[in-house]
C-alpha atoms as a PDB file:
ATOM      1  CA  MET A   1     -25.477  14.464 -15.345  1.00  0.00           C
ATOM      2  CA  ASN A   2     -21.788  14.163 -14.767  1.00  0.00           C
ATOM      3  CA  CYS A   3     -20.415  15.175 -11.397  1.00  0.00           C
ATOM      4  CA  CYS A   4     -16.855  13.995 -11.974  1.00  0.00           C
ATOM      5  CA  ASN A   5     -13.971  15.648 -13.743  1.00  0.00           C
ATOM      6  CA  ASP A   6     -11.793  14.092 -16.458  1.00  0.00           C
ATOM      7  CA  ILE A   7      -9.708  12.004 -14.038  1.00  0.00           C
ATOM      8  CA  GLY A   8     -12.704  10.602 -12.114  1.00  0.00           C
ATOM      9  CA  THR A   9     -12.617  12.832  -9.044  1.00  0.00           C
ATOM     10  CA  CYS A  10     -16.069  13.850  -7.781  1.00  0.00           C
ATOM     11  CA  THR A  11     -16.717  17.586  -7.842  1.00  0.00           C
ATOM     12  CA  GLN A  12     -20.104  17.754  -6.095  1.00  0.00           C
ATOM     13  CA  GLY A  13     -19.132  16.339  -2.738  1.00  0.00           C
ATOM     14  CA  ARG A  14     -21.267  13.761  -0.936  1.00  0.00           C
ATOM     15  CA  ASP A  15     -24.292  14.168  -3.229  1.00  0.00           C
ATOM     16  CA  CYS A  16     -22.536  12.742  -6.260  1.00  0.00           C
ATOM     17  CA  PRO A  17     -24.288   9.499  -7.332  1.00  0.00           C
ATOM     18  CA  ILE A  18     -21.060   7.996  -8.637  1.00  0.00           C
ATOM     19  CA  ARG A  19     -19.375   8.646  -5.295  1.00  0.00           C
ATOM     20  CA  LYS A  20     -22.280   6.971  -3.466  1.00  0.00           C
ATOM     21  CA  GLN A  21     -22.018   3.969  -5.788  1.00  0.00           C
ATOM     22  CA  ARG A  22     -18.267   3.621  -5.162  1.00  0.00           C
ATOM     23  CA  ALA A  23     -18.802   3.859  -1.403  1.00  0.00           C
ATOM     24  CA  GLN A  24     -21.497   1.163  -1.565  1.00  0.00           C
ATOM     25  CA  GLU A  25     -19.187  -1.124  -3.570  1.00  0.00           C
ATOM     26  CA  ALA A  26     -16.393  -0.608  -1.039  1.00  0.00           C
ATOM     27  CA  ASN A  27     -18.753  -1.385   1.853  1.00  0.00           C
ATOM     28  CA  GLU A  28     -19.973  -4.576   0.188  1.00  0.00           C
ATOM     29  CA  ALA A  29     -16.405  -5.723  -0.506  1.00  0.00           C
ATOM     30  CA  PHE A  30     -15.464  -5.083   3.135  1.00  0.00           C
ATOM     31  CA  MET A  31     -18.449  -7.074   4.378  1.00  0.00           C
ATOM     32  CA  LYS A  32     -17.627 -10.011   2.088  1.00  0.00           C
ATOM     33  CA  LEU A  33     -14.055 -10.013   3.370  1.00  0.00           C
ATOM     34  CA  HIS A  34     -15.067 -10.153   7.044  1.00  0.00           C
ATOM     35  CA  ARG A  35     -17.983 -12.612   6.911  1.00  0.00           C
ATOM     36  CA  GLY A  36     -15.936 -15.458   8.423  1.00  0.00           C
ATOM     37  CA  ALA A  37     -15.636 -13.865  11.872  1.00  0.00           C
ATOM     38  CA  ASP A  38     -19.306 -13.315  12.692  1.00  0.00           C
ATOM     39  CA  ASP A  39     -19.558 -14.996  16.094  1.00  0.00           C
ATOM     40  CA  PRO A  40     -16.887 -14.277  18.730  1.00  0.00           C
ATOM     41  CA  TYR A  41     -18.304 -17.134  20.852  1.00  0.00           C
ATOM     42  CA  ASP A  42     -16.811 -19.643  18.391  1.00  0.00           C
ATOM     43  CA  ASP A  43     -13.315 -18.301  19.048  1.00  0.00           C
ATOM     44  CA  PHE A  44     -13.886 -18.357  22.821  1.00  0.00           C
ATOM     45  CA  ALA A  45     -15.210 -21.930  22.737  1.00  0.00           C
ATOM     46  CA  ALA A  46     -12.223 -23.071  20.684  1.00  0.00           C
ATOM     47  CA  SER A  47      -9.845 -21.416  23.162  1.00  0.00           C
ATOM     48  CA  VAL A  48     -11.514 -23.137  26.126  1.00  0.00           C
ATOM     49  CA  LYS A  49     -11.405 -26.511  24.364  1.00  0.00           C
ATOM     50  CA  GLY A  50      -7.713 -25.978  23.626  1.00  0.00           C
ATOM     51  CA  LEU A  51      -7.026 -25.083  27.253  1.00  0.00           C
ATOM     52  CA  ILE A  52      -8.855 -28.191  28.492  1.00  0.00           C
ATOM     53  CA  ALA A  53      -6.882 -30.368  26.072  1.00  0.00           C
ATOM     54  CA  LEU A  54      -3.608 -28.825  27.256  1.00  0.00           C
ATOM     55  CA  VAL A  55      -4.488 -29.447  30.917  1.00  0.00           C
ATOM     56  CA  CYS A  56      -5.411 -33.076  30.149  1.00  0.00           C
ATOM     57  CA  VAL A  57      -2.164 -33.724  28.286  1.00  0.00           C
ATOM     58  CA  ALA A  58      -0.074 -32.107  31.018  1.00  0.00           C
ATOM     59  CA  THR A  59      -1.880 -34.150  33.695  1.00  0.00           C
ATOM     60  CA  GLY A  60      -1.333 -37.353  31.721  1.00  0.00           C
ATOM     61  CA  VAL A  61       2.368 -36.655  31.303  1.00  0.00           C
ATOM     62  CA  ALA A  62       2.691 -35.870  35.010  1.00  0.00           C
ATOM     63  CA  MET A  63       0.917 -39.115  35.961  1.00  0.00           C
ATOM     64  CA  ILE A  64       3.196 -41.157  33.706  1.00  0.00           C
ATOM     65  CA  ALA A  65       6.253 -39.399  35.141  1.00  0.00           C
ATOM     66  CA  PHE A  66       5.114 -40.123  38.713  1.00  0.00           C
ATOM     67  CA  ALA A  67       4.457 -43.756  37.774  1.00  0.00           C
ATOM     68  CA  PHE A  68       8.039 -44.204  36.556  1.00  0.00           C
ATOM     69  CA  TRP A  69       9.943 -41.937  38.955  1.00  0.00           C
ATOM     70  CA  GLY A  70       7.521 -41.256  41.768  1.00  0.00           C
ATOM     71  CA  LYS A  71       8.084 -42.138  45.385  1.00  0.00           C
END
């Protein structure tokens, strides 16, 4: 059973088995591409850690500046 024409376009709409196979392959490729970003908590935790590090560095620089030039 062939439901595609000579150039590979499906002629039977959504019921074409070749069209279903191509859609499944596209879905699997999309899922493989986006497997690295599964847990949004990891991004949030990294952002909070970065913010804490920035606050610590800024506080340290301010303390050193007050030690040299403070009154």
